[in-house]
Amino acid sequence: MRARTMVSVAVSACVALVACACGPEKTKEDTDAKPAQPSASTRAKEPSAAPSASTRSEKPSAAPTGDHPGPKTKEGAIQRYEQYLHALGREDIDTVCEVAGPAAKKAQDQGLGPCTSTYVAVFQMISPAQKKALQSATVDPQRIAVRTPDKIEMPVEAVRASATFSENDLGSYTLEYLKNDWYITD
């Protein structure tokens, strides 16, 4: 039980850190300075203790931000959260930090490290079976809660995957529509 609690705390911390370091307030210069996305063979390697420049992607291809706003709908929020889940399973730190930017910022402000270093630790805590399941996970629209047109709750029970996830493993998240897209804020 204690190990699961630590994993949950670490995952939450990583989410917050990712948001701080990779949040929606990235400038064009920040994204232009990154090298191109790695090949499939590069991503298959074990994660290192710290992200290297060779494993970072330029920008998440499915992330409609900035000039390409994401749809401000329930379906848009689900699509964005599924993008996050798939990136988590692939250990795609850039996409994870992009989507979870605001939550990661909160965690960093509370003393946790930047998103990129925090999520590297999270990746190591997710089992290979769970990572594989996350890569194709979907969200049951009947299980999410629309709080306002700008705020949607994604409980862990809404995640449909070949592996089981609990609140301690994955957790529940709040997505808010900010700066023309959905972001994990809590």
N, C-alpha and C. Protein backbone atom coordinates (compact mmCIF):
# COMPACT_ATOMS: atom_id res chain seq x y z
N MET A 1 0.83 -1.19 0.00
CA MET A 1 0.00 0.00 0.00
C MET A 1 0.87 1.25 0.00
N ARG A 2 1.90 1.25 0.81
CA ARG A 2 2.76 2.41 0.90
C ARG A 2 3.48 2.67 -0.42
N ALA A 3 3.89 1.62 -1.11
CA ALA A 3 4.56 1.79 -2.39
C ALA A 3 3.61 2.42 -3.40
N ARG A 4 2.35 2.01 -3.41
CA ARG A 4 1.38 2.60 -4.33
C ARG A 4 1.16 4.07 -4.01
N THR A 5 1.12 4.39 -2.74
CA THR A 5 0.95 5.79 -2.34
C THR A 5 2.13 6.62 -2.84
N MET A 6 3.33 6.08 -2.71
CA MET A 6 4.51 6.80 -3.18
C MET A 6 4.47 6.97 -4.69
N VAL A 7 4.03 5.94 -5.40
CA VAL A 7 3.91 6.04 -6.86
C VAL A 7 2.90 7.12 -7.21
N SER A 8 1.78 7.13 -6.51
CA SER A 8 0.75 8.14 -6.77
C SER A 8 1.27 9.54 -6.52
N VAL A 9 1.98 9.71 -5.42
CA VAL A 9 2.56 11.02 -5.10
C VAL A 9 3.58 11.41 -6.16
N ALA A 10 4.40 10.46 -6.56
CA ALA A 10 5.42 10.75 -7.58
C ALA A 10 4.78 11.10 -8.91
N VAL A 11 3.73 10.37 -9.29
CA VAL A 11 3.04 10.66 -10.55
C VAL A 11 2.42 12.05 -10.49
N SER A 12 1.77 12.36 -9.38
CA SER A 12 1.17 13.69 -9.24
C SER A 12 2.23 14.78 -9.29
N ALA A 13 3.34 14.52 -8.64
CA ALA A 13 4.43 15.48 -8.64
C ALA A 13 4.98 15.67 -10.05
N CYS A 14 5.11 14.56 -10.75
CA CYS A 14 5.62 14.63 -12.12
C CYS A 14 4.68 15.41 -13.02
N VAL A 15 3.41 15.19 -12.85
CA VAL A 15 2.43 15.91 -13.65
C VAL A 15 2.58 17.40 -13.41
N ALA A 16 2.72 17.75 -12.16
CA ALA A 16 2.86 19.16 -11.84
C ALA A 16 4.16 19.73 -12.38
N LEU A 17 5.20 18.97 -12.28
CA LEU A 17 6.50 19.43 -12.77
C LEU A 17 6.51 19.57 -14.27
N VAL A 18 5.90 18.64 -14.92
CA VAL A 18 5.83 18.66 -16.39
C VAL A 18 5.12 19.92 -16.83
N ALA A 19 4.08 20.26 -16.15
CA ALA A 19 3.31 21.44 -16.52
C ALA A 19 4.14 22.69 -16.37
N CYS A 20 4.96 22.73 -15.34
CA CYS A 20 5.78 23.92 -15.11
C CYS A 20 6.83 24.09 -16.20
N ALA A 21 7.48 23.02 -16.52
CA ALA A 21 8.59 23.10 -17.48
C ALA A 21 8.13 23.10 -18.92
N CYS A 22 6.99 22.49 -19.18
CA CYS A 22 6.57 22.31 -20.57
C CYS A 22 5.16 22.82 -20.80
N GLY A 23 4.72 23.75 -20.03
CA GLY A 23 3.34 24.21 -20.10
C GLY A 23 3.00 24.95 -21.36
N PRO A 24 1.74 25.36 -21.47
CA PRO A 24 1.26 26.01 -22.68
C PRO A 24 1.90 27.36 -22.93
N GLU A 25 2.62 27.89 -21.97
CA GLU A 25 3.22 29.19 -22.17
C GLU A 25 4.58 29.11 -22.86
N LYS A 26 4.87 28.00 -23.53
CA LYS A 26 6.10 27.85 -24.29
C LYS A 26 6.14 28.86 -25.43
N THR A 27 7.33 29.37 -25.67
CA THR A 27 7.47 30.31 -26.77
C THR A 27 7.86 29.56 -28.04
N LYS A 28 7.76 30.23 -29.16
CA LYS A 28 8.15 29.60 -30.43
C LYS A 28 9.63 29.25 -30.39
N GLU A 29 10.44 30.10 -29.75
CA GLU A 29 11.86 29.82 -29.66
C GLU A 29 12.11 28.54 -28.89
N ASP A 30 11.31 28.25 -27.85
CA ASP A 30 11.47 27.02 -27.08
C ASP A 30 11.24 25.80 -27.95
N THR A 31 10.23 25.81 -28.78
CA THR A 31 9.91 24.64 -29.58
C THR A 31 10.83 24.52 -30.79
N ASP A 32 11.29 25.65 -31.32
CA ASP A 32 12.17 25.61 -32.48
C ASP A 32 13.55 25.08 -32.13
N ALA A 33 13.96 25.20 -30.89
CA ALA A 33 15.30 24.80 -30.48
C ALA A 33 15.43 23.30 -30.30
N LYS A 34 14.34 22.57 -30.31
CA LYS A 34 14.38 21.13 -30.07
C LYS A 34 14.64 20.36 -31.36
N PRO A 35 15.38 19.24 -31.27
CA PRO A 35 15.61 18.42 -32.45
C PRO A 35 14.36 17.67 -32.86
N ALA A 36 14.41 17.05 -34.02
CA ALA A 36 13.26 16.31 -34.55
C ALA A 36 12.92 15.12 -33.68
N GLN A 37 11.70 14.60 -33.84
CA GLN A 37 11.22 13.47 -33.05
C GLN A 37 12.08 12.24 -33.32
N PRO A 38 12.37 11.43 -32.27
CA PRO A 38 13.21 10.26 -32.44
C PRO A 38 12.49 9.16 -33.21
N SER A 39 13.29 8.26 -33.76
CA SER A 39 12.72 7.13 -34.48
C SER A 39 12.16 6.12 -33.50
N ALA A 40 11.40 5.16 -33.99
CA ALA A 40 10.80 4.14 -33.13
C ALA A 40 11.88 3.35 -32.40
N SER A 41 13.02 3.12 -33.03
CA SER A 41 14.09 2.37 -32.38
C SER A 41 14.69 3.16 -31.23
N THR A 42 14.72 4.46 -31.31
CA THR A 42 15.24 5.28 -30.24
C THR A 42 14.32 5.24 -29.04
N ARG A 43 13.01 5.29 -29.28
CA ARG A 43 12.05 5.29 -28.19
C ARG A 43 11.99 3.96 -27.46
N ALA A 44 12.41 2.88 -28.08
CA ALA A 44 12.32 1.55 -27.48
C ALA A 44 13.37 1.35 -26.39
N LYS A 45 14.38 2.19 -26.33
CA LYS A 45 15.43 2.05 -25.33
C LYS A 45 14.90 2.35 -23.94
N GLU A 46 15.59 1.83 -22.94
CA GLU A 46 15.23 2.10 -21.55
C GLU A 46 15.41 3.58 -21.26
N PRO A 47 14.54 4.18 -20.44
CA PRO A 47 14.69 5.59 -20.11
C PRO A 47 15.91 5.81 -19.23
N SER A 48 16.57 6.93 -19.44
CA SER A 48 17.71 7.27 -18.60
C SER A 48 17.23 8.05 -17.40
N ALA A 49 18.12 8.35 -16.50
CA ALA A 49 17.75 9.08 -15.29
C ALA A 49 17.33 10.51 -15.62
N ALA A 50 17.84 11.05 -16.71
CA ALA A 50 17.47 12.41 -17.12
C ALA A 50 17.23 12.40 -18.63
N PRO A 51 16.26 13.18 -19.09
CA PRO A 51 15.99 13.19 -20.53
C PRO A 51 17.16 13.78 -21.29
N SER A 52 17.48 13.19 -22.42
CA SER A 52 18.54 13.72 -23.25
C SER A 52 17.94 14.45 -24.43
N ALA A 53 18.73 15.28 -25.05
CA ALA A 53 18.23 16.05 -26.19
C ALA A 53 17.82 15.13 -27.33
N SER A 54 18.45 13.96 -27.44
CA SER A 54 18.14 13.06 -28.55
C SER A 54 16.79 12.37 -28.38
N THR A 55 16.22 12.34 -27.18
CA THR A 55 14.93 11.68 -26.98
C THR A 55 13.77 12.66 -26.95
N ARG A 56 14.03 13.92 -27.13
CA ARG A 56 12.96 14.92 -27.10
C ARG A 56 12.43 15.12 -28.52
N SER A 57 11.13 15.31 -28.62
CA SER A 57 10.54 15.56 -29.93
C SER A 57 10.31 17.05 -30.09
N GLU A 58 10.17 17.48 -31.33
CA GLU A 58 10.01 18.90 -31.61
C GLU A 58 8.72 19.44 -31.02
N LYS A 59 7.61 18.79 -31.31
CA LYS A 59 6.32 19.23 -30.81
C LYS A 59 5.34 18.08 -31.03
N PRO A 60 4.44 17.84 -30.10
CA PRO A 60 3.48 16.77 -30.29
C PRO A 60 2.66 17.01 -31.55
N SER A 61 2.64 16.04 -32.44
CA SER A 61 1.97 16.21 -33.72
C SER A 61 0.46 16.32 -33.58
N ALA A 62 -0.11 15.68 -32.58
CA ALA A 62 -1.57 15.69 -32.43
C ALA A 62 -2.05 16.78 -31.48
N ALA A 63 -1.17 17.64 -31.04
CA ALA A 63 -1.54 18.66 -30.07
C ALA A 63 -1.99 19.94 -30.77
N PRO A 64 -3.28 20.17 -30.84
CA PRO A 64 -3.76 21.39 -31.49
C PRO A 64 -3.66 22.59 -30.57
N THR A 65 -2.54 23.31 -30.63
CA THR A 65 -2.36 24.47 -29.78
C THR A 65 -2.02 25.69 -30.62
N GLY A 66 -2.03 26.83 -29.97
CA GLY A 66 -1.63 28.05 -30.65
C GLY A 66 -2.51 28.40 -31.82
N ASP A 67 -1.95 28.32 -33.03
CA ASP A 67 -2.67 28.68 -34.24
C ASP A 67 -3.74 27.66 -34.61
N HIS A 68 -3.68 26.46 -34.05
CA HIS A 68 -4.63 25.40 -34.35
C HIS A 68 -5.37 25.03 -33.08
N PRO A 69 -6.38 25.81 -32.69
CA PRO A 69 -7.06 25.54 -31.42
C PRO A 69 -7.75 24.18 -31.42
N GLY A 70 -7.73 23.56 -30.23
CA GLY A 70 -8.44 22.31 -30.04
C GLY A 70 -9.93 22.61 -29.84
N PRO A 71 -10.78 21.67 -30.20
CA PRO A 71 -12.21 21.91 -30.04
C PRO A 71 -12.60 22.04 -28.56
N LYS A 72 -13.38 23.05 -28.27
CA LYS A 72 -13.82 23.31 -26.89
C LYS A 72 -15.10 22.51 -26.64
N THR A 73 -14.96 21.18 -26.71
CA THR A 73 -16.08 20.27 -26.54
C THR A 73 -15.65 19.14 -25.62
N LYS A 74 -16.63 18.38 -25.17
CA LYS A 74 -16.38 17.19 -24.36
C LYS A 74 -15.50 16.23 -25.16
N GLU A 75 -15.81 16.07 -26.44
CA GLU A 75 -15.03 15.18 -27.29
C GLU A 75 -13.60 15.67 -27.45
N GLY A 76 -13.43 16.99 -27.53
CA GLY A 76 -12.09 17.56 -27.63
C GLY A 76 -11.26 17.28 -26.38
N ALA A 77 -11.90 17.36 -25.21
CA ALA A 77 -11.22 17.07 -23.95
C ALA A 77 -10.83 15.59 -23.89
N ILE A 78 -11.73 14.73 -24.33
CA ILE A 78 -11.44 13.30 -24.32
C ILE A 78 -10.27 13.00 -25.25
N GLN A 79 -10.28 13.59 -26.43
CA GLN A 79 -9.20 13.38 -27.39
C GLN A 79 -7.86 13.83 -26.80
N ARG A 80 -7.86 14.95 -26.15
CA ARG A 80 -6.63 15.49 -25.56
C ARG A 80 -6.13 14.61 -24.42
N TYR A 81 -7.04 14.11 -23.59
CA TYR A 81 -6.65 13.24 -22.49
C TYR A 81 -6.12 11.91 -23.02
N GLU A 82 -6.75 11.39 -24.07
CA GLU A 82 -6.25 10.16 -24.68
C GLU A 82 -4.85 10.39 -25.26
N GLN A 83 -4.62 11.56 -25.81
CA GLN A 83 -3.29 11.91 -26.32
C GLN A 83 -2.27 11.82 -25.18
N TYR A 84 -2.64 12.35 -24.01
CA TYR A 84 -1.78 12.30 -22.83
C TYR A 84 -1.52 10.85 -22.40
N LEU A 85 -2.59 10.04 -22.34
CA LEU A 85 -2.43 8.64 -21.93
C LEU A 85 -1.50 7.89 -22.87
N HIS A 86 -1.70 8.07 -24.17
CA HIS A 86 -0.86 7.40 -25.16
C HIS A 86 0.59 7.84 -25.03
N ALA A 87 0.81 9.14 -24.82
CA ALA A 87 2.17 9.66 -24.66
C ALA A 87 2.81 9.11 -23.39
N LEU A 88 2.03 8.97 -22.33
CA LEU A 88 2.53 8.39 -21.09
C LEU A 88 3.00 6.96 -21.35
N GLY A 89 2.23 6.21 -22.09
CA GLY A 89 2.61 4.83 -22.42
C GLY A 89 3.84 4.74 -23.31
N ARG A 90 4.04 5.73 -24.19
CA ARG A 90 5.20 5.75 -25.09
C ARG A 90 6.43 6.42 -24.48
N GLU A 91 6.24 6.97 -23.28
CA GLU A 91 7.29 7.75 -22.62
C GLU A 91 7.66 8.98 -23.44
N ASP A 92 6.67 9.59 -24.05
CA ASP A 92 6.85 10.80 -24.87
C ASP A 92 6.78 12.01 -23.93
N ILE A 93 7.92 12.37 -23.39
CA ILE A 93 8.00 13.42 -22.37
C ILE A 93 7.48 14.76 -22.87
N ASP A 94 7.72 15.10 -24.12
CA ASP A 94 7.29 16.39 -24.64
C ASP A 94 5.77 16.51 -24.67
N THR A 95 5.10 15.47 -25.15
CA THR A 95 3.64 15.52 -25.20
C THR A 95 3.06 15.49 -23.80
N VAL A 96 3.60 14.64 -22.93
CA VAL A 96 3.12 14.58 -21.55
C VAL A 96 3.25 15.94 -20.89
N CYS A 97 4.40 16.57 -21.04
CA CYS A 97 4.63 17.88 -20.42
C CYS A 97 3.78 18.97 -21.06
N GLU A 98 3.49 18.84 -22.34
CA GLU A 98 2.63 19.81 -23.02
C GLU A 98 1.21 19.75 -22.44
N VAL A 99 0.65 18.56 -22.38
CA VAL A 99 -0.74 18.41 -21.94
C VAL A 99 -0.88 18.68 -20.43
N ALA A 100 0.08 18.23 -19.65
CA ALA A 100 0.01 18.37 -18.20
C ALA A 100 0.70 19.63 -17.70
N GLY A 101 1.02 20.56 -18.58
CA GLY A 101 1.76 21.75 -18.22
C GLY A 101 1.27 22.52 -17.01
N PRO A 102 0.01 22.93 -16.96
CA PRO A 102 -0.44 23.71 -15.81
C PRO A 102 -0.36 22.95 -14.48
N ALA A 103 -0.67 21.66 -14.48
CA ALA A 103 -0.57 20.87 -13.24
C ALA A 103 0.89 20.71 -12.82
N ALA A 104 1.76 20.51 -13.79
CA ALA A 104 3.18 20.37 -13.50
C ALA A 104 3.74 21.67 -12.92
N LYS A 105 3.24 22.79 -13.41
CA LYS A 105 3.68 24.09 -12.90
C LYS A 105 3.32 24.23 -11.42
N LYS A 106 2.11 23.79 -11.08
CA LYS A 106 1.69 23.84 -9.67
C LYS A 106 2.61 22.98 -8.81
N ALA A 107 2.94 21.80 -9.27
CA ALA A 107 3.81 20.90 -8.51
C ALA A 107 5.21 21.49 -8.36
N GLN A 108 5.70 22.08 -9.42
CA GLN A 108 7.03 22.68 -9.34
C GLN A 108 7.03 23.83 -8.34
N ASP A 109 5.97 24.61 -8.35
CA ASP A 109 5.86 25.73 -7.40
C ASP A 109 5.82 25.24 -5.96
N GLN A 110 5.42 23.97 -5.77
CA GLN A 110 5.37 23.38 -4.43
C GLN A 110 6.67 22.66 -4.08
N GLY A 111 7.69 22.82 -4.90
CA GLY A 111 9.00 22.29 -4.57
C GLY A 111 9.43 21.07 -5.35
N LEU A 112 8.60 20.54 -6.21
CA LEU A 112 9.01 19.41 -7.02
C LEU A 112 9.82 19.91 -8.20
N GLY A 113 10.55 19.03 -8.80
CA GLY A 113 11.41 19.42 -9.92
C GLY A 113 10.62 19.73 -11.17
N PRO A 114 11.34 20.07 -12.24
CA PRO A 114 10.67 20.37 -13.51
C PRO A 114 10.00 19.12 -14.08
N CYS A 115 9.02 19.34 -14.90
CA CYS A 115 8.22 18.28 -15.50
C CYS A 115 9.09 17.20 -16.13
N THR A 116 10.06 17.61 -16.90
CA THR A 116 10.87 16.64 -17.64
C THR A 116 11.60 15.67 -16.71
N SER A 117 12.12 16.14 -15.61
CA SER A 117 12.82 15.22 -14.70
C SER A 117 11.83 14.43 -13.85
N THR A 118 10.72 15.03 -13.50
CA THR A 118 9.74 14.33 -12.68
C THR A 118 9.09 13.19 -13.44
N TYR A 119 8.73 13.41 -14.69
CA TYR A 119 8.07 12.35 -15.46
C TYR A 119 9.02 11.22 -15.83
N VAL A 120 10.31 11.50 -15.92
CA VAL A 120 11.26 10.41 -16.16
C VAL A 120 11.14 9.40 -15.02
N ALA A 121 10.99 9.90 -13.80
CA ALA A 121 10.80 9.01 -12.65
C ALA A 121 9.46 8.29 -12.74
N VAL A 122 8.44 8.98 -13.17
CA VAL A 122 7.11 8.37 -13.31
C VAL A 122 7.16 7.24 -14.33
N PHE A 123 7.81 7.48 -15.46
CA PHE A 123 7.91 6.45 -16.50
C PHE A 123 8.49 5.16 -15.93
N GLN A 124 9.45 5.29 -15.04
CA GLN A 124 10.10 4.11 -14.47
C GLN A 124 9.20 3.39 -13.48
N MET A 125 8.17 4.05 -12.97
CA MET A 125 7.25 3.43 -12.01
C MET A 125 6.08 2.72 -12.68
N ILE A 126 5.89 2.93 -13.96
CA ILE A 126 4.79 2.30 -14.69
C ILE A 126 5.29 0.98 -15.25
N SER A 127 4.55 -0.09 -14.98
CA SER A 127 4.98 -1.41 -15.46
C SER A 127 4.93 -1.48 -16.98
N PRO A 128 5.71 -2.36 -17.58
CA PRO A 128 5.66 -2.52 -19.04
C PRO A 128 4.25 -2.86 -19.55
N ALA A 129 3.51 -3.68 -18.83
CA ALA A 129 2.14 -4.03 -19.25
C ALA A 129 1.24 -2.80 -19.21
N GLN A 130 1.40 -1.96 -18.20
CA GLN A 130 0.60 -0.74 -18.11
C GLN A 130 0.98 0.24 -19.21
N LYS A 131 2.27 0.36 -19.51
CA LYS A 131 2.70 1.25 -20.59
C LYS A 131 2.08 0.82 -21.91
N LYS A 132 2.12 -0.47 -22.18
CA LYS A 132 1.55 -0.99 -23.42
C LYS A 132 0.04 -0.70 -23.45
N ALA A 133 -0.64 -0.89 -22.33
CA ALA A 133 -2.08 -0.65 -22.25
C ALA A 133 -2.40 0.84 -22.47
N LEU A 134 -1.58 1.72 -21.94
CA LEU A 134 -1.82 3.15 -22.08
C LEU A 134 -1.70 3.62 -23.53
N GLN A 135 -0.87 2.95 -24.31
CA GLN A 135 -0.66 3.35 -25.70
C GLN A 135 -1.92 3.26 -26.55
N SER A 136 -2.87 2.45 -26.13
CA SER A 136 -4.13 2.33 -26.88
C SER A 136 -5.35 2.58 -25.99
N ALA A 137 -5.13 3.16 -24.83
CA ALA A 137 -6.23 3.43 -23.90
C ALA A 137 -7.23 4.42 -24.50
N THR A 138 -8.48 4.25 -24.11
CA THR A 138 -9.54 5.16 -24.53
C THR A 138 -10.26 5.66 -23.28
N VAL A 139 -11.15 6.61 -23.48
CA VAL A 139 -11.92 7.16 -22.37
C VAL A 139 -13.40 6.92 -22.63
N ASP A 140 -14.09 6.41 -21.62
CA ASP A 140 -15.53 6.20 -21.69
C ASP A 140 -16.23 7.53 -21.45
N PRO A 141 -16.86 8.12 -22.46
CA PRO A 141 -17.49 9.43 -22.30
C PRO A 141 -18.61 9.45 -21.26
N GLN A 142 -19.19 8.30 -20.98
CA GLN A 142 -20.27 8.23 -19.99
C GLN A 142 -19.76 8.38 -18.56
N ARG A 143 -18.47 8.20 -18.36
CA ARG A 143 -17.91 8.22 -17.00
C ARG A 143 -17.22 9.53 -16.65
N ILE A 144 -17.14 10.47 -17.57
CA ILE A 144 -16.50 11.75 -17.25
C ILE A 144 -17.56 12.74 -16.77
N ALA A 145 -17.11 13.77 -16.08
CA ALA A 145 -18.03 14.76 -15.54
C ALA A 145 -17.71 16.14 -16.12
N VAL A 146 -18.68 16.71 -16.84
CA VAL A 146 -18.52 18.05 -17.38
C VAL A 146 -18.96 19.02 -16.28
N ARG A 147 -18.02 19.73 -15.68
CA ARG A 147 -18.31 20.67 -14.59
C ARG A 147 -18.80 22.01 -15.15
N THR A 148 -18.10 22.49 -16.17
CA THR A 148 -18.46 23.72 -16.88
C THR A 148 -18.03 23.50 -18.32
N PRO A 149 -18.39 24.38 -19.23
CA PRO A 149 -17.91 24.22 -20.61
C PRO A 149 -16.38 24.25 -20.71
N ASP A 150 -15.71 24.80 -19.70
CA ASP A 150 -14.25 24.92 -19.70
C ASP A 150 -13.55 23.93 -18.77
N LYS A 151 -14.30 23.08 -18.06
CA LYS A 151 -13.70 22.22 -17.03
C LYS A 151 -14.35 20.84 -17.03
N ILE A 152 -13.52 19.81 -17.19
CA ILE A 152 -14.01 18.44 -17.25
C ILE A 152 -13.18 17.55 -16.33
N GLU A 153 -13.86 16.71 -15.56
CA GLU A 153 -13.21 15.76 -14.66
C GLU A 153 -13.05 14.43 -15.37
N MET A 154 -11.84 13.88 -15.34
CA MET A 154 -11.53 12.58 -15.95
C MET A 154 -11.17 11.61 -14.83
N PRO A 155 -12.15 10.88 -14.30
CA PRO A 155 -11.84 9.91 -13.25
C PRO A 155 -11.09 8.71 -13.82
N VAL A 156 -10.31 8.06 -13.00
CA VAL A 156 -9.55 6.90 -13.45
C VAL A 156 -10.49 5.81 -13.95
N GLU A 157 -11.71 5.76 -13.44
CA GLU A 157 -12.69 4.75 -13.87
C GLU A 157 -13.11 4.94 -15.33
N ALA A 158 -12.86 6.11 -15.89
CA ALA A 158 -13.24 6.37 -17.28
C ALA A 158 -12.20 5.81 -18.27
N VAL A 159 -11.02 5.46 -17.79
CA VAL A 159 -9.96 4.96 -18.65
C VAL A 159 -10.24 3.49 -18.98
N ARG A 160 -10.32 3.22 -20.27
CA ARG A 160 -10.53 1.85 -20.77
C ARG A 160 -9.22 1.37 -21.39
N ALA A 161 -8.65 0.32 -20.79
CA ALA A 161 -7.38 -0.20 -21.26
C ALA A 161 -7.29 -1.69 -20.96
N SER A 162 -6.31 -2.34 -21.58
CA SER A 162 -6.12 -3.78 -21.37
C SER A 162 -5.52 -4.09 -20.01
N ALA A 163 -5.03 -3.10 -19.30
CA ALA A 163 -4.54 -3.25 -17.93
C ALA A 163 -5.45 -2.45 -17.01
N THR A 164 -5.48 -2.85 -15.76
CA THR A 164 -6.30 -2.15 -14.78
C THR A 164 -5.49 -1.04 -14.12
N PHE A 165 -6.14 0.11 -13.95
CA PHE A 165 -5.50 1.24 -13.28
C PHE A 165 -6.37 1.66 -12.11
N SER A 166 -5.70 2.00 -11.01
CA SER A 166 -6.41 2.48 -9.83
C SER A 166 -6.06 3.95 -9.61
N GLU A 167 -6.66 4.53 -8.62
CA GLU A 167 -6.37 5.90 -8.26
C GLU A 167 -4.89 6.04 -7.90
N ASN A 168 -4.32 5.02 -7.28
CA ASN A 168 -2.90 5.04 -6.90
C ASN A 168 -1.98 4.89 -8.10
N ASP A 169 -2.44 4.16 -9.12
CA ASP A 169 -1.60 3.93 -10.31
C ASP A 169 -1.59 5.13 -11.24
N LEU A 170 -2.76 5.59 -11.59
CA LEU A 170 -2.90 6.62 -12.61
C LEU A 170 -3.50 7.90 -12.06
N GLY A 171 -4.55 7.76 -11.29
CA GLY A 171 -5.20 8.92 -10.71
C GLY A 171 -6.27 9.51 -11.60
N SER A 172 -7.01 10.43 -11.05
CA SER A 172 -8.05 11.16 -11.77
C SER A 172 -7.53 12.57 -12.02
N TYR A 173 -7.99 13.18 -13.10
CA TYR A 173 -7.48 14.49 -13.48
C TYR A 173 -8.59 15.44 -13.85
N THR A 174 -8.29 16.72 -13.73
CA THR A 174 -9.17 17.78 -14.20
C THR A 174 -8.52 18.40 -15.42
N LEU A 175 -9.30 18.52 -16.49
CA LEU A 175 -8.83 19.21 -17.69
C LEU A 175 -9.59 20.51 -17.81
N GLU A 176 -8.86 21.57 -18.16
CA GLU A 176 -9.49 22.87 -18.38
C GLU A 176 -9.09 23.39 -19.74
N TYR A 177 -10.01 24.13 -20.35
CA TYR A 177 -9.75 24.72 -21.66
C TYR A 177 -9.04 26.05 -21.43
N LEU A 178 -7.76 26.09 -21.78
CA LEU A 178 -6.92 27.27 -21.59
C LEU A 178 -6.14 27.52 -22.88
N LYS A 179 -6.00 28.76 -23.27
CA LYS A 179 -5.16 29.11 -24.42
C LYS A 179 -5.45 28.23 -25.63
N ASN A 180 -6.72 28.06 -25.96
CA ASN A 180 -7.19 27.36 -27.15
C ASN A 180 -7.00 25.85 -27.16
N ASP A 181 -6.85 25.22 -25.98
CA ASP A 181 -6.77 23.76 -25.94
C ASP A 181 -7.05 23.28 -24.51
N TRP A 182 -7.17 21.96 -24.37
CA TRP A 182 -7.41 21.33 -23.08
C TRP A 182 -6.08 20.97 -22.44
N TYR A 183 -5.96 21.30 -21.12
CA TYR A 183 -4.75 21.00 -20.37
C TYR A 183 -5.12 20.40 -19.03
N ILE A 184 -4.28 19.50 -18.53
CA ILE A 184 -4.46 18.94 -17.19
C ILE A 184 -4.05 20.03 -16.21
N THR A 185 -4.98 20.38 -15.33
CA THR A 185 -4.69 21.44 -14.35
C THR A 185 -4.64 20.92 -12.93
N ASP A 186 -5.16 19.72 -12.71
CA ASP A 186 -5.17 19.16 -11.36
C ASP A 186 -5.29 17.66 -11.44
